[in-house]
Every structure is written in C-alpha cells, then in structure tokens.
Amino acid sequence: MSRSSLISQRRNPLFKSAIRVLPGLLILVLLSAVSAFAQTKLLRFPDIHGDRAAFTYAGDIWTAPAEGGSAIRLTAHPGVEVFAKFSPDGKWIAFTGQYDGDEQVYVIPSTGGVPRQLTFYPAKGPLAPRWGWDNQVYGWSKDGKRIFFRSLRDSWSLPIARLYSVSIDGGPTEPLPMPEAGSGDYSPDGSQMVYSPQSRDFRSEKRYGGGQANKLYTFDLSSYATKAITDGPRPTRDPIWIGDTIYFNSDRDGHFNLYAYRVSSGKTSQITHSNQWDVRWPSSDHQSRIIYEMDGELQVLDTSSQSRFSCG
C-alpha cells in the first residue's frame, strides 16, 4: 500500500471510528476470558453427595460435579423447586416443589426423571418472602426410607413450625416428637436429633441478639431428654451432625460463619473466618464434606483436612 493511500485511509471517518472501537472490543474479549473461569452466581440451597452437588438456580434444581464441571438440569416446571437433598445412597433427591400454587414434598431420581409428590396437605402460602416456604425439606432418615421436613400445617401462627417425616413410598406424614422445630439433623446412629426451635431462615437475623434468636438443642428420640448446646445472645442455626461433631452457623463474630461443637467434650471452635460474606445454607454428605453458599457461589469444606474449594 502506498504512503498516500495509507494517509487517505486514516482520514476516512470509518477508519477513525474503527480505531476508537478497537479498545472497547479488546476489553470485552478480556472480560469474556475472565468470566469463562468465574463461577456462576445465584446458586442457592446446595447439597452434596460423593462427587455431585445439587442446588437451585433460576428456580430449577441442577446437579454438577462438586469440583466443577457441566451442570445438568433435573427440573423444568414453571413453579419453583428448592431445598434439594440427596438420599443417603445418592439415588434420590427430595425437594420442595411449588406446583399448582402449592408447596409440597417431592422426590426425583438423582439422575433425572419425573418428580413424584409425597405430601398433599394444603400448604400455607404463598407466603411473604420473610417467611420462606412451607413444607421445607431438611433431609433424610439414616436408613433412607423417610424424608423429614419443616411444616406449618398444625401451627396457629406463622413463626411456629414442626418437623414431620414422610416415607419415600408416600403415605401419611408423622410428626417428630419435638413440639416446635425450625431445622434439624439426625445423629449418626439416628437415635438423637440436633434442632433449633424456630425457623428464621429468610428473616433478618444477622446481629440480632433478642429473645427470638435461635439456639440449638440435642433431643433423644427415645427418652426425650433435651440438652442445650449453644448459648449467648447471637443466633445459632443450620445444624449438621457428622461423627462426634455438630457443625452450625452463627454470626457471633459479626458475620455468619461455621462453628464446630464436639459432643464428647462440649467444646466449641470456629471453623470459617469470613469477614466479608456470610456463610449461607450449609448442608453436608454426613461423611466429611460441607457445602454452603457464599456471595452467591458455592464453597465446599472438607472437615477432615479443613481445606476449602469452590464448587464451579
């Protein structure tokens, strides 16, 4: 190209416009490259089993490799599906489905399939956001035969709830013996349960120190003996029982972090130390891994090594 042709091209308005656009295009390319390695946001209500994680995204339930990879969508109904929980053998996922304007307990094969409804008692809802969902799935019995969930069915006031269980084959629900309960988890041998009397999952409980702050108790399902395992003004919630340790979520340091209560010694220690984002919705495989939401992303904690990694 001759020098005069190059000068003429540079004077062309289209050429000048392209020069101005190129830096913007370069930035977009760089941002695209960075985002390709960033984790997807707004992943909620996770659970983990083996090398698979389950979570809610855009109102549907998905599964993905726990250490990152392609996700598989299990549900596609216009209604919301939340609180996915793997069965102990990993073959099933129980969840709360908001179909036909009602919230009920469903179960689906963990590899995909048609959801099967297990509860039919009319739910109280749809509720205001601060009350969350009715018939909220919390987990499974140790033998994998029953699913337990929080329900408002017998309450005369919205804050009052109770834990119930239903067979994976369907049939009548049965209340657990605690008169009021907002969350819970079975001991490894299934003889006890750690639970919180209230459900404040969707209310502003952070840095709250009043009389309605959640506390945790162990409950013997045979003798009904009850023991408080947490104290202090700040809420303690989301209990997970693994071996001799009960993990729970608390904002006693100003942010919600995971703590560990040793059943044999009665001593409590802090596990995570986030001072920017709260730990939300912790759940576990009841072996060695705890998965939780933080800043809209999923993190996995290996309780045996105390190592952590992103799920995505």
C-alpha atoms as a PDB file:
ATOM      1  CA  MET A   1       0.000   0.000   0.000  1.00  0.00           C
ATOM      2  CA  SER A   2       1.375   3.396  -0.986  1.00  0.00           C
ATOM      3  CA  ARG A   3       2.021   6.112   1.607  1.00  0.00           C
ATOM      4  CA  SER A   4      -0.617   8.349   0.010  1.00  0.00           C
ATOM      5  CA  SER A   5      -3.220   5.533   0.159  1.00  0.00           C
ATOM      6  CA  LEU A   6      -2.469   4.917   3.867  1.00  0.00           C
ATOM      7  CA  ILE A   7      -2.828   8.624   4.666  1.00  0.00           C
ATOM      8  CA  SER A   8      -6.106   8.723   2.758  1.00  0.00           C
ATOM      9  CA  GLN A   9      -7.402   5.686   4.699  1.00  0.00           C
ATOM     10  CA  ARG A  10      -6.526   7.223   8.060  1.00  0.00           C
ATOM     11  CA  ARG A  11      -8.503  10.342   7.111  1.00  0.00           C
ATOM     12  CA  ASN A  12     -11.544   8.152   6.373  1.00  0.00           C
ATOM     13  CA  PRO A  13     -14.227   8.616   9.131  1.00  0.00           C
ATOM     14  CA  LEU A  14     -14.951   4.877   9.144  1.00  0.00           C
ATOM     15  CA  PHE A  15     -11.278   4.123   9.794  1.00  0.00           C
ATOM     16  CA  LYS A  16     -11.192   6.567  12.704  1.00  0.00           C
ATOM     17  CA  SER A  17     -14.381   5.039  14.147  1.00  0.00           C
ATOM     18  CA  ALA A  18     -12.874   1.546  13.965  1.00  0.00           C
ATOM     19  CA  ILE A  19      -9.771   2.734  15.802  1.00  0.00           C
ATOM     20  CA  ARG A  20     -11.973   4.107  18.612  1.00  0.00           C
ATOM     21  CA  VAL A  21     -13.959   0.855  18.846  1.00  0.00           C
ATOM     22  CA  LEU A  22     -10.964  -1.495  18.978  1.00  0.00           C
ATOM     23  CA  PRO A  23     -10.007  -0.778  22.640  1.00  0.00           C
ATOM     24  CA  GLY A  24     -13.605  -1.487  23.687  1.00  0.00           C
ATOM     25  CA  LEU A  25     -13.608  -4.756  21.759  1.00  0.00           C
ATOM     26  CA  LEU A  26     -10.325  -5.751  23.384  1.00  0.00           C
ATOM     27  CA  ILE A  27     -11.788  -5.116  26.841  1.00  0.00           C
ATOM     28  CA  LEU A  28     -14.853  -7.224  26.003  1.00  0.00           C
ATOM     29  CA  VAL A  29     -12.635 -10.090  24.845  1.00  0.00           C
ATOM     30  CA  LEU A  30     -10.603  -9.918  28.063  1.00  0.00           C
ATOM     31  CA  LEU A  31     -13.734  -9.789  30.219  1.00  0.00           C
ATOM     32  CA  SER A  32     -15.163 -12.769  28.352  1.00  0.00           C
ATOM     33  CA  ALA A  33     -11.979 -14.714  29.000  1.00  0.00           C
ATOM     34  CA  VAL A  34     -12.115 -13.874  32.717  1.00  0.00           C
ATOM     35  CA  SER A  35     -15.823 -14.712  33.033  1.00  0.00           C
ATOM     36  CA  ALA A  36     -15.203 -18.074  31.386  1.00  0.00           C
ATOM     37  CA  PHE A  37     -13.264 -19.049  34.518  1.00  0.00           C
ATOM     38  CA  ALA A  38     -15.610 -17.332  37.022  1.00  0.00           C
ATOM     39  CA  GLN A  39     -18.251 -19.282  38.876  1.00  0.00           C
ATOM     40  CA  THR A  40     -21.911 -18.754  38.092  1.00  0.00           C
ATOM     41  CA  LYS A  41     -23.669 -16.583  40.674  1.00  0.00           C
ATOM     42  CA  LEU A  42     -27.055 -17.021  42.388  1.00  0.00           C
ATOM     43  CA  LEU A  43     -26.605 -20.722  43.158  1.00  0.00           C
ATOM     44  CA  ARG A  44     -28.726 -21.464  46.228  1.00  0.00           C
ATOM     45  CA  PHE A  45     -29.771 -24.136  48.748  1.00  0.00           C
ATOM     46  CA  PRO A  46     -26.956 -26.617  47.962  1.00  0.00           C
ATOM     47  CA  ASP A  47     -26.441 -30.224  48.993  1.00  0.00           C
ATOM     48  CA  ILE A  48     -23.636 -32.694  48.305  1.00  0.00           C
ATOM     49  CA  HIS A  49     -23.193 -36.441  47.927  1.00  0.00           C
ATOM     50  CA  GLY A  50     -19.943 -38.015  46.830  1.00  0.00           C
ATOM     51  CA  ASP A  51     -18.659 -36.111  43.821  1.00  0.00           C
ATOM     52  CA  ARG A  52     -22.021 -34.493  42.986  1.00  0.00           C
ATOM     53  CA  ALA A  53     -23.598 -31.254  44.197  1.00  0.00           C
ATOM     54  CA  ALA A  54     -27.257 -30.281  43.892  1.00  0.00           C
ATOM     55  CA  PHE A  55     -28.546 -26.716  44.014  1.00  0.00           C
ATOM     56  CA  THR A  56     -31.284 -24.347  42.864  1.00  0.00           C
ATOM     57  CA  TYR A  57     -30.608 -21.966  40.003  1.00  0.00           C
ATOM     58  CA  ALA A  58     -33.274 -19.836  38.302  1.00  0.00           C
ATOM     59  CA  GLY A  59     -35.984 -21.721  40.186  1.00  0.00           C
ATOM     60  CA  ASP A  60     -34.932 -25.194  38.980  1.00  0.00           C
ATOM     61  CA  ILE A  61     -32.823 -27.953  40.536  1.00  0.00           C
ATOM     62  CA  TRP A  62     -29.483 -28.773  38.954  1.00  0.00           C
ATOM     63  CA  THR A  63     -26.633 -31.166  39.711  1.00  0.00           C
ATOM     64  CA  ALA A  64     -22.964 -30.718  38.864  1.00  0.00           C
ATOM     65  CA  PRO A  65     -19.584 -32.203  39.776  1.00  0.00           C
ATOM     66  CA  ALA A  66     -18.621 -30.973  43.235  1.00  0.00           C
ATOM     67  CA  GLU A  67     -15.229 -29.800  41.994  1.00  0.00           C
ATOM     68  CA  GLY A  68     -16.604 -28.046  38.932  1.00  0.00           C
ATOM     69  CA  GLY A  69     -17.917 -29.015  35.513  1.00  0.00           C
ATOM     70  CA  SER A  70     -21.037 -29.042  33.379  1.00  0.00           C
ATOM     71  CA  ALA A  71     -24.353 -28.823  35.230  1.00  0.00           C
ATOM     72  CA  ILE A  72     -27.417 -30.946  34.475  1.00  0.00           C
ATOM     73  CA  ARG A  73     -30.901 -29.526  34.983  1.00  0.00           C
ATOM     74  CA  LEU A  74     -33.243 -32.004  36.692  1.00  0.00           C
ATOM     75  CA  THR A  75     -36.464 -29.949  36.773  1.00  0.00           C
ATOM     76  CA  ALA A  76     -38.052 -27.516  34.339  1.00  0.00           C
ATOM     77  CA  HIS A  77     -41.509 -26.765  35.754  1.00  0.00           C
ATOM     78  CA  PRO A  78     -42.622 -23.087  35.800  1.00  0.00           C
ATOM     79  CA  GLY A  79     -43.005 -23.450  39.572  1.00  0.00           C
ATOM     80  CA  VAL A  80     -40.035 -23.060  41.912  1.00  0.00           C
ATOM     81  CA  GLU A  81     -38.082 -26.084  43.176  1.00  0.00           C
ATOM     82  CA  VAL A  82     -35.880 -25.589  46.241  1.00  0.00           C
ATOM     83  CA  PHE A  83     -34.036 -27.376  49.093  1.00  0.00           C
ATOM     84  CA  ALA A  84     -32.736 -30.399  47.169  1.00  0.00           C
ATOM     85  CA  LYS A  85     -31.403 -33.141  49.469  1.00  0.00           C
ATOM     86  CA  PHE A  86     -29.649 -36.328  48.354  1.00  0.00           C
ATOM     87  CA  SER A  87     -30.735 -39.636  49.881  1.00  0.00           C
ATOM     88  CA  PRO A  88     -28.021 -41.441  51.888  1.00  0.00           C
ATOM     89  CA  ASP A  89     -27.331 -43.777  48.950  1.00  0.00           C
ATOM     90  CA  GLY A  90     -27.328 -40.906  46.454  1.00  0.00           C
ATOM     91  CA  LYS A  91     -30.025 -42.454  44.262  1.00  0.00           C
ATOM     92  CA  TRP A  92     -32.767 -39.922  45.059  1.00  0.00           C
ATOM     93  CA  ILE A  93     -33.194 -36.208  45.610  1.00  0.00           C
ATOM     94  CA  ALA A  94     -36.027 -34.897  47.784  1.00  0.00           C
ATOM     95  CA  PHE A  95     -37.087 -31.278  47.345  1.00  0.00           C
ATOM     96  CA  THR A  96     -39.821 -28.735  47.968  1.00  0.00           C
ATOM     97  CA  GLY A  97     -41.786 -28.003  44.792  1.00  0.00           C
ATOM     98  CA  GLN A  98     -44.124 -25.063  44.304  1.00  0.00           C
ATOM     99  CA  TYR A  99     -46.504 -26.599  41.773  1.00  0.00           C
ATOM    100  CA  ASP A 100     -50.099 -25.518  41.166  1.00  0.00           C
ATOM    101  CA  GLY A 101     -49.631 -22.657  43.626  1.00  0.00           C
ATOM    102  CA  ASP A 102     -48.888 -25.045  46.494  1.00  0.00           C
ATOM    103  CA  GLU A 103     -45.655 -26.212  48.176  1.00  0.00           C
ATOM    104  CA  GLN A 104     -45.232 -29.928  48.725  1.00  0.00           C
ATOM    105  CA  VAL A 105     -42.506 -32.522  49.193  1.00  0.00           C
ATOM    106  CA  TYR A 106     -41.379 -34.338  46.039  1.00  0.00           C
ATOM    107  CA  VAL A 107     -38.743 -36.918  45.182  1.00  0.00           C
ATOM    108  CA  ILE A 108     -36.902 -37.477  41.901  1.00  0.00           C
ATOM    109  CA  PRO A 109     -34.120 -39.863  40.800  1.00  0.00           C
ATOM    110  CA  SER A 110     -30.774 -38.096  41.159  1.00  0.00           C
ATOM    111  CA  THR A 111     -30.044 -38.883  37.513  1.00  0.00           C
ATOM    112  CA  GLY A 112     -33.288 -37.240  36.367  1.00  0.00           C
ATOM    113  CA  GLY A 113     -36.864 -38.303  35.796  1.00  0.00           C
ATOM    114  CA  VAL A 114     -40.426 -37.391  36.701  1.00  0.00           C
ATOM    115  CA  PRO A 115     -40.921 -35.876  40.200  1.00  0.00           C
ATOM    116  CA  ARG A 116     -43.238 -37.853  42.468  1.00  0.00           C
ATOM    117  CA  GLN A 117     -45.366 -35.993  45.024  1.00  0.00           C
ATOM    118  CA  LEU A 118     -45.207 -37.310  48.602  1.00  0.00           C
ATOM    119  CA  THR A 119     -47.245 -34.818  50.663  1.00  0.00           C
ATOM    120  CA  PHE A 120     -50.713 -33.492  49.939  1.00  0.00           C
ATOM    121  CA  TYR A 121     -51.800 -31.478  52.971  1.00  0.00           C
ATOM    122  CA  PRO A 122     -52.548 -27.889  51.809  1.00  0.00           C
ATOM    123  CA  ALA A 123     -49.589 -25.595  52.401  1.00  0.00           C
ATOM    124  CA  LYS A 124     -49.825 -22.165  53.982  1.00  0.00           C
ATOM    125  CA  GLY A 125     -48.812 -19.983  51.116  1.00  0.00           C
ATOM    126  CA  PRO A 126     -47.587 -18.496  49.058  1.00  0.00           C
ATOM    127  CA  LEU A 127     -46.056 -16.665  51.998  1.00  0.00           C
ATOM    128  CA  ALA A 128     -44.405 -13.278  52.212  1.00  0.00           C
ATOM    129  CA  PRO A 129     -40.652 -13.540  51.493  1.00  0.00           C
ATOM    130  CA  ARG A 130     -39.706 -13.187  55.173  1.00  0.00           C
ATOM    131  CA  TRP A 131     -41.481 -16.476  55.930  1.00  0.00           C
ATOM    132  CA  GLY A 132     -39.857 -18.552  53.191  1.00  0.00           C
ATOM    133  CA  TRP A 133     -41.645 -21.714  52.051  1.00  0.00           C
ATOM    134  CA  ASP A 134     -43.892 -24.234  53.734  1.00  0.00           C
ATOM    135  CA  ASN A 135     -43.052 -27.966  53.687  1.00  0.00           C
ATOM    136  CA  GLN A 136     -39.321 -27.170  53.554  1.00  0.00           C
ATOM    137  CA  VAL A 137     -37.241 -30.323  53.050  1.00  0.00           C
ATOM    138  CA  TYR A 138     -34.348 -30.720  55.506  1.00  0.00           C
ATOM    139  CA  GLY A 139     -33.042 -34.228  54.949  1.00  0.00           C
ATOM    140  CA  TRP A 140     -33.427 -37.987  55.193  1.00  0.00           C
ATOM    141  CA  SER A 141     -33.533 -40.619  57.895  1.00  0.00           C
ATOM    142  CA  LYS A 142     -30.310 -42.591  58.181  1.00  0.00           C
ATOM    143  CA  ASP A 143     -31.834 -45.679  56.534  1.00  0.00           C
ATOM    144  CA  GLY A 144     -33.001 -43.607  53.565  1.00  0.00           C
ATOM    145  CA  LYS A 145     -36.618 -44.661  53.988  1.00  0.00           C
ATOM    146  CA  ARG A 146     -38.084 -41.363  55.150  1.00  0.00           C
ATOM    147  CA  ILE A 147     -37.719 -37.660  54.347  1.00  0.00           C
ATOM    148  CA  PHE A 148     -38.109 -35.074  57.091  1.00  0.00           C
ATOM    149  CA  PHE A 149     -39.286 -31.527  56.510  1.00  0.00           C
ATOM    150  CA  ARG A 150     -40.498 -28.404  58.315  1.00  0.00           C
ATOM    151  CA  SER A 151     -44.207 -27.715  58.033  1.00  0.00           C
ATOM    152  CA  LEU A 152     -46.682 -25.119  59.273  1.00  0.00           C
ATOM    153  CA  ARG A 153     -49.651 -27.447  58.929  1.00  0.00           C
ATOM    154  CA  ASP A 154     -50.584 -27.554  62.636  1.00  0.00           C
ATOM    155  CA  SER A 155     -49.457 -24.061  63.625  1.00  0.00           C
ATOM    156  CA  TRP A 156     -51.789 -21.268  64.661  1.00  0.00           C
ATOM    157  CA  SER A 157     -49.118 -18.615  63.991  1.00  0.00           C
ATOM    158  CA  LEU A 158     -46.586 -18.375  61.166  1.00  0.00           C
ATOM    159  CA  PRO A 159     -43.438 -18.453  63.330  1.00  0.00           C
ATOM    160  CA  ILE A 160     -44.493 -21.772  64.875  1.00  0.00           C
ATOM    161  CA  ALA A 161     -43.465 -24.849  62.899  1.00  0.00           C
ATOM    162  CA  ARG A 162     -42.689 -28.504  63.445  1.00  0.00           C
ATOM    163  CA  LEU A 163     -40.658 -31.233  61.783  1.00  0.00           C
ATOM    164  CA  TYR A 164     -42.509 -34.095  60.091  1.00  0.00           C
ATOM    165  CA  SER A 165     -41.428 -37.126  58.106  1.00  0.00           C
ATOM    166  CA  VAL A 166     -42.912 -38.999  55.158  1.00  0.00           C
ATOM    167  CA  SER A 167     -41.983 -42.305  53.558  1.00  0.00           C
ATOM    168  CA  ILE A 168     -40.226 -42.285  50.206  1.00  0.00           C
ATOM    169  CA  ASP A 169     -43.084 -44.528  49.074  1.00  0.00           C
ATOM    170  CA  GLY A 170     -45.684 -41.961  50.157  1.00  0.00           C
ATOM    171  CA  GLY A 171     -48.431 -42.357  52.740  1.00  0.00           C
ATOM    172  CA  PRO A 172     -49.299 -40.421  55.895  1.00  0.00           C
ATOM    173  CA  THR A 173     -46.831 -37.993  57.447  1.00  0.00           C
ATOM    174  CA  GLU A 174     -45.662 -38.398  61.022  1.00  0.00           C
ATOM    175  CA  PRO A 175     -44.640 -35.549  63.345  1.00  0.00           C
ATOM    176  CA  LEU A 176     -41.281 -35.761  65.058  1.00  0.00           C
ATOM    177  CA  PRO A 177     -41.623 -35.564  68.862  1.00  0.00           C
ATOM    178  CA  MET A 178     -40.198 -32.048  69.330  1.00  0.00           C
ATOM    179  CA  PRO A 179     -43.237 -29.780  69.824  1.00  0.00           C
ATOM    180  CA  GLU A 180     -41.649 -26.923  67.867  1.00  0.00           C
ATOM    181  CA  ALA A 181     -38.728 -27.097  65.444  1.00  0.00           C
ATOM    182  CA  GLY A 182     -37.397 -24.955  62.637  1.00  0.00           C
ATOM    183  CA  SER A 183     -34.496 -27.121  61.457  1.00  0.00           C
ATOM    184  CA  GLY A 184     -32.707 -30.300  62.441  1.00  0.00           C
ATOM    185  CA  ASP A 185     -30.360 -33.163  61.660  1.00  0.00           C
ATOM    186  CA  TYR A 186     -30.071 -36.759  62.876  1.00  0.00           C
ATOM    187  CA  SER A 187     -27.147 -38.088  64.881  1.00  0.00           C
ATOM    188  CA  PRO A 188     -25.005 -40.685  63.066  1.00  0.00           C
ATOM    189  CA  ASP A 189     -26.861 -43.582  64.728  1.00  0.00           C
ATOM    190  CA  GLY A 190     -30.278 -41.968  64.278  1.00  0.00           C
ATOM    191  CA  SER A 191     -31.099 -42.069  67.996  1.00  0.00           C
ATOM    192  CA  GLN A 192     -30.922 -38.308  68.532  1.00  0.00           C
ATOM    193  CA  MET A 193     -31.548 -35.108  66.649  1.00  0.00           C
ATOM    194  CA  VAL A 194     -29.983 -31.677  66.905  1.00  0.00           C
ATOM    195  CA  TYR A 195     -32.550 -28.978  66.221  1.00  0.00           C
ATOM    196  CA  SER A 196     -33.453 -25.317  66.542  1.00  0.00           C
ATOM    197  CA  PRO A 197     -36.920 -24.463  67.896  1.00  0.00           C
ATOM    198  CA  GLN A 198     -37.529 -21.711  65.349  1.00  0.00           C
ATOM    199  CA  SER A 199     -37.249 -21.076  61.647  1.00  0.00           C
ATOM    200  CA  ARG A 200     -35.827 -17.659  60.783  1.00  0.00           C
ATOM    201  CA  ASP A 201     -34.097 -18.622  57.544  1.00  0.00           C
ATOM    202  CA  PHE A 202     -35.475 -15.741  55.494  1.00  0.00           C
ATOM    203  CA  ARG A 203     -35.708 -13.070  58.154  1.00  0.00           C
ATOM    204  CA  SER A 204     -33.082 -10.515  59.100  1.00  0.00           C
ATOM    205  CA  GLU A 205     -31.427 -12.411  61.945  1.00  0.00           C
ATOM    206  CA  LYS A 206     -27.896 -11.143  61.436  1.00  0.00           C
ATOM    207  CA  ARG A 207     -26.518  -9.395  64.532  1.00  0.00           C
ATOM    208  CA  TYR A 208     -29.836  -9.932  66.299  1.00  0.00           C
ATOM    209  CA  GLY A 209     -29.465 -10.642  69.996  1.00  0.00           C
ATOM    210  CA  GLY A 210     -33.052 -10.641  71.280  1.00  0.00           C
ATOM    211  CA  GLY A 211     -35.178 -13.318  72.826  1.00  0.00           C
ATOM    212  CA  GLN A 212     -36.164 -14.827  69.471  1.00  0.00           C
ATOM    213  CA  ALA A 213     -32.574 -15.644  68.478  1.00  0.00           C
ATOM    214  CA  ASN A 214     -32.216 -19.298  67.548  1.00  0.00           C
ATOM    215  CA  LYS A 215     -30.442 -21.755  69.840  1.00  0.00           C
ATOM    216  CA  LEU A 216     -29.548 -25.403  69.284  1.00  0.00           C
ATOM    217  CA  TYR A 217     -30.527 -28.437  71.334  1.00  0.00           C
ATOM    218  CA  THR A 218     -29.911 -32.162  71.163  1.00  0.00           C
ATOM    219  CA  PHE A 219     -33.012 -34.316  71.592  1.00  0.00           C
ATOM    220  CA  ASP A 220     -33.050 -38.022  72.457  1.00  0.00           C
ATOM    221  CA  LEU A 221     -35.801 -39.572  70.322  1.00  0.00           C
ATOM    222  CA  SER A 222     -36.426 -42.361  72.876  1.00  0.00           C
ATOM    223  CA  SER A 223     -36.177 -40.672  76.278  1.00  0.00           C
ATOM    224  CA  TYR A 224     -36.998 -37.139  75.043  1.00  0.00           C
ATOM    225  CA  ALA A 225     -34.014 -35.836  77.034  1.00  0.00           C
ATOM    226  CA  THR A 226     -33.050 -32.381  75.796  1.00  0.00           C
ATOM    227  CA  LYS A 227     -29.746 -30.549  76.137  1.00  0.00           C
ATOM    228  CA  ALA A 228     -28.819 -27.029  75.058  1.00  0.00           C
ATOM    229  CA  ILE A 229     -25.502 -26.986  73.200  1.00  0.00           C
ATOM    230  CA  THR A 230     -25.218 -23.275  72.354  1.00  0.00           C
ATOM    231  CA  ASP A 231     -25.548 -20.149  74.439  1.00  0.00           C
ATOM    232  CA  GLY A 232     -25.017 -16.410  74.126  1.00  0.00           C
ATOM    233  CA  PRO A 233     -27.233 -13.722  72.583  1.00  0.00           C
ATOM    234  CA  ARG A 234     -26.447 -14.336  68.896  1.00  0.00           C
ATOM    235  CA  PRO A 235     -28.388 -16.849  66.775  1.00  0.00           C
ATOM    236  CA  THR A 236     -27.077 -20.378  66.184  1.00  0.00           C
ATOM    237  CA  ARG A 237     -28.730 -22.314  63.382  1.00  0.00           C
ATOM    238  CA  ASP A 238     -28.401 -24.743  60.431  1.00  0.00           C
ATOM    239  CA  PRO A 239     -27.114 -27.743  62.452  1.00  0.00           C
ATOM    240  CA  ILE A 240     -25.171 -30.560  60.767  1.00  0.00           C
ATOM    241  CA  TRP A 241     -24.183 -33.703  62.718  1.00  0.00           C
ATOM    242  CA  ILE A 242     -21.058 -35.508  61.458  1.00  0.00           C
ATOM    243  CA  GLY A 243     -19.493 -38.120  63.735  1.00  0.00           C
ATOM    244  CA  ASP A 244     -18.741 -36.618  67.143  1.00  0.00           C
ATOM    245  CA  THR A 245     -19.153 -33.066  65.856  1.00  0.00           C
ATOM    246  CA  ILE A 246     -22.166 -30.823  65.375  1.00  0.00           C
ATOM    247  CA  TYR A 247     -21.452 -28.018  62.921  1.00  0.00           C
ATOM    248  CA  PHE A 248     -23.631 -24.927  62.946  1.00  0.00           C
ATOM    249  CA  ASN A 249     -23.905 -21.424  61.539  1.00  0.00           C
ATOM    250  CA  SER A 250     -23.660 -18.322  63.739  1.00  0.00           C
ATOM    251  CA  ASP A 251     -22.848 -14.610  63.442  1.00  0.00           C
ATOM    252  CA  ARG A 252     -21.286 -14.349  66.889  1.00  0.00           C
ATOM    253  CA  ASP A 253     -18.228 -12.678  65.286  1.00  0.00           C
ATOM    254  CA  GLY A 254     -20.365 -10.265  63.234  1.00  0.00           C
ATOM    255  CA  HIS A 255     -20.689 -12.461  60.134  1.00  0.00           C
ATOM    256  CA  PHE A 256     -22.304 -15.868  59.746  1.00  0.00           C
ATOM    257  CA  ASN A 257     -19.537 -18.473  59.933  1.00  0.00           C
ATOM    258  CA  LEU A 258     -19.330 -22.195  60.620  1.00  0.00           C
ATOM    259  CA  TYR A 259     -18.577 -23.452  64.135  1.00  0.00           C
ATOM    260  CA  ALA A 260     -17.953 -26.948  65.464  1.00  0.00           C
ATOM    261  CA  TYR A 261     -19.335 -28.336  68.746  1.00  0.00           C
ATOM    262  CA  ARG A 262     -17.628 -31.509  69.974  1.00  0.00           C
ATOM    263  CA  VAL A 263     -20.292 -33.712  71.513  1.00  0.00           C
ATOM    264  CA  SER A 264     -17.853 -35.660  73.707  1.00  0.00           C
ATOM    265  CA  SER A 265     -16.089 -32.636  75.184  1.00  0.00           C
ATOM    266  CA  GLY A 266     -18.760 -29.939  74.895  1.00  0.00           C
ATOM    267  CA  LYS A 267     -16.199 -27.532  73.422  1.00  0.00           C
ATOM    268  CA  THR A 268     -16.918 -25.183  70.510  1.00  0.00           C
ATOM    269  CA  SER A 269     -14.442 -23.843  67.961  1.00  0.00           C
ATOM    270  CA  GLN A 270     -14.769 -21.561  64.944  1.00  0.00           C
ATOM    271  CA  ILE A 271     -14.150 -23.190  61.542  1.00  0.00           C
ATOM    272  CA  THR A 272     -14.554 -20.471  58.910  1.00  0.00           C
ATOM    273  CA  HIS A 273     -13.478 -16.860  59.372  1.00  0.00           C
ATOM    274  CA  SER A 274     -15.110 -14.836  56.615  1.00  0.00           C
ATOM    275  CA  ASN A 275     -15.278 -11.129  57.439  1.00  0.00           C
ATOM    276  CA  GLN A 276     -16.909 -10.019  54.183  1.00  0.00           C
ATOM    277  CA  TRP A 277     -19.588 -12.522  53.133  1.00  0.00           C
ATOM    278  CA  ASP A 278     -21.883 -14.685  55.248  1.00  0.00           C
ATOM    279  CA  VAL A 279     -21.992 -18.475  55.150  1.00  0.00           C
ATOM    280  CA  ARG A 280     -25.487 -19.419  53.972  1.00  0.00           C
ATOM    281  CA  TRP A 281     -27.455 -22.668  53.670  1.00  0.00           C
ATOM    282  CA  PRO A 282     -24.788 -25.155  54.819  1.00  0.00           C
ATOM    283  CA  SER A 283     -25.514 -28.828  54.112  1.00  0.00           C
ATOM    284  CA  SER A 284     -23.378 -31.966  54.143  1.00  0.00           C
ATOM    285  CA  ASP A 285     -22.807 -35.513  52.929  1.00  0.00           C
ATOM    286  CA  HIS A 286     -22.594 -36.601  56.604  1.00  0.00           C
ATOM    287  CA  GLN A 287     -19.162 -38.023  55.861  1.00  0.00           C
ATOM    288  CA  SER A 288     -16.581 -35.261  55.601  1.00  0.00           C
ATOM    289  CA  ARG A 289     -17.850 -32.517  53.278  1.00  0.00           C
ATOM    290  CA  ILE A 290     -19.973 -29.436  53.950  1.00  0.00           C
ATOM    291  CA  ILE A 291     -21.251 -27.325  51.076  1.00  0.00           C
ATOM    292  CA  TYR A 292     -22.571 -23.802  51.529  1.00  0.00           C
ATOM    293  CA  GLU A 293     -23.430 -20.618  49.677  1.00  0.00           C
ATOM    294  CA  MET A 294     -21.197 -17.543  49.941  1.00  0.00           C
ATOM    295  CA  ASP A 295     -21.589 -14.418  47.829  1.00  0.00           C
ATOM    296  CA  GLY A 296     -23.960 -16.315  45.525  1.00  0.00           C
ATOM    297  CA  GLU A 297     -21.356 -19.006  44.839  1.00  0.00           C
ATOM    298  CA  LEU A 298     -20.888 -22.480  46.298  1.00  0.00           C
ATOM    299  CA  GLN A 299     -17.989 -23.461  48.540  1.00  0.00           C
ATOM    300  CA  VAL A 300     -17.065 -26.929  49.791  1.00  0.00           C
ATOM    301  CA  LEU A 301     -15.337 -27.538  53.124  1.00  0.00           C
ATOM    302  CA  ASP A 302     -13.536 -30.815  53.815  1.00  0.00           C
ATOM    303  CA  THR A 303     -13.953 -31.236  57.571  1.00  0.00           C
ATOM    304  CA  SER A 304     -11.170 -33.824  57.824  1.00  0.00           C
ATOM    305  CA  SER A 305      -8.478 -31.579  56.323  1.00  0.00           C
ATOM    306  CA  GLN A 306     -10.140 -28.156  56.844  1.00  0.00           C
ATOM    307  CA  SER A 307      -9.435 -27.400  53.160  1.00  0.00           C
ATOM    308  CA  ARG A 308     -11.917 -25.463  51.050  1.00  0.00           C
ATOM    309  CA  PHE A 309     -12.565 -25.149  47.331  1.00  0.00           C
ATOM    310  CA  SER A 310     -15.154 -23.576  45.021  1.00  0.00           C
ATOM    311  CA  CYS A 311     -17.857 -25.738  43.509  1.00  0.00           C
ATOM    312  CA  GLY A 312     -17.828 -24.446  39.957  1.00  0.00           C
END
